Amino acid sequence: MAKVTVISYHNGSMPREMEGSTPAELATELDISLQGVSIHVDDDEVNASKTLADGNFVSFQKSKVTSGQ
């Protein structure tokens, strides 16, 4: 398990130290759904199964909704 810093829209984007192997595992621990959420590790958008490393910065953000234009 990696020791990472996590921020999420659901808790006011307050940094939180957590341990986990993947963003999906962190989301389960935070009790948040990944539907309509984009996941970023450091500066890259990743999928929920991305393997995390010590010191990663993980953020869960609401996906942007685009209009039909």
N, C-alpha and C. Protein backbone atom coordinates (compact mmCIF):
# COMPACT_ATOMS: atom_id res chain seq x y z
N MET A 1 0.84 -1.20 0.00
CA MET A 1 0.00 0.00 0.00
C MET A 1 0.87 1.24 0.00
N ALA A 2 0.42 2.22 -0.76
CA ALA A 2 1.15 3.47 -0.86
C ALA A 2 0.56 4.50 0.10
N LYS A 3 1.43 5.34 0.63
CA LYS A 3 1.00 6.47 1.46
C LYS A 3 0.87 7.66 0.53
N VAL A 4 -0.36 8.20 0.41
CA VAL A 4 -0.65 9.27 -0.55
C VAL A 4 -1.42 10.39 0.13
N THR A 5 -1.45 11.55 -0.53
CA THR A 5 -2.28 12.67 -0.11
C THR A 5 -3.48 12.71 -1.03
N VAL A 6 -4.68 12.80 -0.45
CA VAL A 6 -5.92 12.75 -1.22
C VAL A 6 -6.73 14.02 -0.98
N ILE A 7 -7.27 14.59 -2.07
CA ILE A 7 -8.28 15.63 -1.93
C ILE A 7 -9.48 15.19 -2.76
N SER A 8 -10.66 15.58 -2.31
CA SER A 8 -11.88 15.20 -3.00
C SER A 8 -12.90 16.32 -2.86
N TYR A 9 -13.69 16.48 -3.92
CA TYR A 9 -14.75 17.49 -3.93
C TYR A 9 -15.74 17.26 -2.79
N HIS A 10 -15.92 16.01 -2.35
CA HIS A 10 -16.98 15.71 -1.38
C HIS A 10 -16.64 16.16 0.04
N ASN A 11 -15.38 16.48 0.31
CA ASN A 11 -15.03 16.92 1.67
C ASN A 11 -14.45 18.33 1.67
N GLY A 12 -14.81 19.11 0.66
CA GLY A 12 -14.33 20.49 0.61
C GLY A 12 -12.89 20.62 0.15
N SER A 13 -12.39 19.57 -0.50
CA SER A 13 -11.02 19.56 -1.02
C SER A 13 -9.96 19.75 0.05
N MET A 14 -10.23 19.25 1.24
CA MET A 14 -9.24 19.29 2.31
C MET A 14 -8.27 18.12 2.13
N PRO A 15 -6.94 18.39 2.13
CA PRO A 15 -5.97 17.30 1.99
C PRO A 15 -6.08 16.30 3.12
N ARG A 16 -5.91 15.03 2.77
CA ARG A 16 -6.02 13.96 3.76
C ARG A 16 -4.97 12.90 3.43
N GLU A 17 -4.23 12.48 4.44
CA GLU A 17 -3.24 11.42 4.24
C GLU A 17 -3.96 10.08 4.32
N MET A 18 -3.71 9.22 3.32
CA MET A 18 -4.35 7.91 3.28
C MET A 18 -3.37 6.88 2.77
N GLU A 19 -3.74 5.61 2.94
CA GLU A 19 -2.97 4.51 2.38
C GLU A 19 -3.88 3.69 1.49
N GLY A 20 -3.38 3.33 0.31
CA GLY A 20 -4.16 2.51 -0.60
C GLY A 20 -3.33 2.11 -1.80
N SER A 21 -3.80 1.11 -2.52
CA SER A 21 -3.08 0.62 -3.69
C SER A 21 -3.57 1.25 -5.00
N THR A 22 -4.86 1.62 -5.03
CA THR A 22 -5.46 2.19 -6.24
C THR A 22 -6.44 3.30 -5.86
N PRO A 23 -6.75 4.19 -6.80
CA PRO A 23 -7.78 5.20 -6.52
C PRO A 23 -9.14 4.57 -6.17
N ALA A 24 -9.47 3.43 -6.79
CA ALA A 24 -10.74 2.77 -6.48
C ALA A 24 -10.79 2.37 -5.00
N GLU A 25 -9.69 1.88 -4.49
CA GLU A 25 -9.62 1.49 -3.07
C GLU A 25 -9.81 2.71 -2.16
N LEU A 26 -9.19 3.82 -2.54
CA LEU A 26 -9.34 5.06 -1.76
C LEU A 26 -10.79 5.54 -1.79
N ALA A 27 -11.42 5.48 -2.98
CA ALA A 27 -12.81 5.92 -3.11
C ALA A 27 -13.72 5.08 -2.23
N THR A 28 -13.47 3.77 -2.18
CA THR A 28 -14.27 2.89 -1.32
C THR A 28 -14.12 3.29 0.14
N GLU A 29 -12.89 3.56 0.55
CA GLU A 29 -12.63 3.97 1.93
C GLU A 29 -13.29 5.32 2.25
N LEU A 30 -13.33 6.21 1.25
CA LEU A 30 -13.96 7.52 1.44
C LEU A 30 -15.48 7.46 1.28
N ASP A 31 -15.98 6.32 0.81
CA ASP A 31 -17.41 6.11 0.56
C ASP A 31 -17.95 7.10 -0.47
N ILE A 32 -17.20 7.22 -1.58
CA ILE A 32 -17.67 8.06 -2.68
C ILE A 32 -17.80 7.22 -3.95
N SER A 33 -18.77 7.58 -4.77
CA SER A 33 -18.98 6.92 -6.05
C SER A 33 -18.01 7.52 -7.07
N LEU A 34 -17.56 6.69 -8.00
CA LEU A 34 -16.68 7.18 -9.06
C LEU A 34 -17.44 7.55 -10.32
N GLN A 35 -18.76 7.42 -10.28
CA GLN A 35 -19.56 7.80 -11.43
C GLN A 35 -19.59 9.33 -11.54
N GLY A 36 -19.23 9.85 -12.70
CA GLY A 36 -19.21 11.30 -12.90
C GLY A 36 -18.04 11.98 -12.23
N VAL A 37 -16.98 11.20 -11.94
CA VAL A 37 -15.81 11.73 -11.25
C VAL A 37 -14.57 11.47 -12.09
N SER A 38 -13.71 12.48 -12.20
CA SER A 38 -12.42 12.26 -12.84
C SER A 38 -11.37 12.11 -11.74
N ILE A 39 -10.41 11.24 -11.99
CA ILE A 39 -9.37 10.92 -11.01
C ILE A 39 -8.04 11.41 -11.57
N HIS A 40 -7.31 12.14 -10.75
CA HIS A 40 -5.99 12.62 -11.13
C HIS A 40 -4.96 12.12 -10.12
N VAL A 41 -3.84 11.65 -10.63
CA VAL A 41 -2.69 11.30 -9.79
C VAL A 41 -1.56 12.21 -10.24
N ASP A 42 -1.10 13.02 -9.30
CA ASP A 42 -0.17 14.09 -9.59
C ASP A 42 -0.79 14.95 -10.71
N ASP A 43 -0.22 15.06 -11.87
CA ASP A 43 -0.78 15.93 -12.91
C ASP A 43 -1.52 15.17 -14.00
N ASP A 44 -1.65 13.86 -13.87
CA ASP A 44 -2.23 13.05 -14.93
C ASP A 44 -3.61 12.51 -14.58
N GLU A 45 -4.53 12.56 -15.55
CA GLU A 45 -5.83 11.92 -15.36
C GLU A 45 -5.64 10.42 -15.56
N VAL A 46 -6.16 9.63 -14.63
CA VAL A 46 -5.94 8.18 -14.64
C VAL A 46 -7.25 7.44 -14.45
N ASN A 47 -7.21 6.12 -14.64
CA ASN A 47 -8.38 5.31 -14.34
C ASN A 47 -8.32 4.82 -12.90
N ALA A 48 -9.40 4.24 -12.44
CA ALA A 48 -9.53 3.86 -11.03
C ALA A 48 -8.60 2.73 -10.62
N SER A 49 -8.03 1.99 -11.58
CA SER A 49 -7.17 0.87 -11.24
C SER A 49 -5.68 1.22 -11.28
N LYS A 50 -5.35 2.49 -11.46
CA LYS A 50 -3.95 2.94 -11.49
C LYS A 50 -3.25 2.55 -10.20
N THR A 51 -2.07 1.94 -10.31
CA THR A 51 -1.28 1.58 -9.14
C THR A 51 -0.63 2.83 -8.57
N LEU A 52 -0.82 3.04 -7.27
CA LEU A 52 -0.30 4.23 -6.61
C LEU A 52 1.07 3.96 -6.00
N ALA A 53 1.86 5.03 -5.85
CA ALA A 53 3.17 4.95 -5.22
C ALA A 53 3.23 5.93 -4.06
N ASP A 54 4.13 5.66 -3.11
CA ASP A 54 4.30 6.57 -1.98
C ASP A 54 4.52 8.00 -2.48
N GLY A 55 3.85 8.94 -1.84
CA GLY A 55 4.03 10.34 -2.16
C GLY A 55 3.14 10.87 -3.27
N ASN A 56 2.34 10.00 -3.91
CA ASN A 56 1.43 10.48 -4.96
C ASN A 56 0.41 11.44 -4.36
N PHE A 57 -0.06 12.36 -5.19
CA PHE A 57 -1.13 13.29 -4.83
C PHE A 57 -2.33 12.88 -5.66
N VAL A 58 -3.38 12.42 -5.02
CA VAL A 58 -4.57 11.89 -5.70
C VAL A 58 -5.73 12.85 -5.49
N SER A 59 -6.42 13.20 -6.59
CA SER A 59 -7.59 14.05 -6.45
C SER A 59 -8.78 13.45 -7.17
N PHE A 60 -9.93 13.57 -6.54
CA PHE A 60 -11.20 13.15 -7.12
C PHE A 60 -11.99 14.43 -7.40
N GLN A 61 -12.33 14.65 -8.68
CA GLN A 61 -13.02 15.87 -9.07
C GLN A 61 -14.26 15.52 -9.88
N LYS A 62 -15.29 16.33 -9.73
CA LYS A 62 -16.48 16.11 -10.55
C LYS A 62 -16.11 16.31 -12.01
N SER A 63 -16.54 15.39 -12.85
CA SER A 63 -16.29 15.51 -14.29
C SER A 63 -17.03 16.72 -14.83
N LYS A 64 -16.41 17.40 -15.76
CA LYS A 64 -17.05 18.55 -16.38
C LYS A 64 -18.13 18.07 -17.34
N VAL A 65 -19.27 18.70 -17.27
CA VAL A 65 -20.36 18.38 -18.16
C VAL A 65 -20.26 19.30 -19.35
N THR A 66 -20.31 18.70 -20.53
CA THR A 66 -20.24 19.53 -21.74
C THR A 66 -21.62 19.57 -22.38
N SER A 67 -21.91 20.68 -22.99
CA SER A 67 -23.20 20.84 -23.65
C SER A 67 -23.19 20.08 -24.98
N GLY A 68 -24.32 20.01 -25.62
CA GLY A 68 -24.44 19.31 -26.88
C GLY A 68 -23.96 20.11 -28.07
N GLN A 69 -23.29 21.21 -27.85
CA GLN A 69 -22.84 22.05 -28.96
C GLN A 69 -21.58 21.52 -29.60
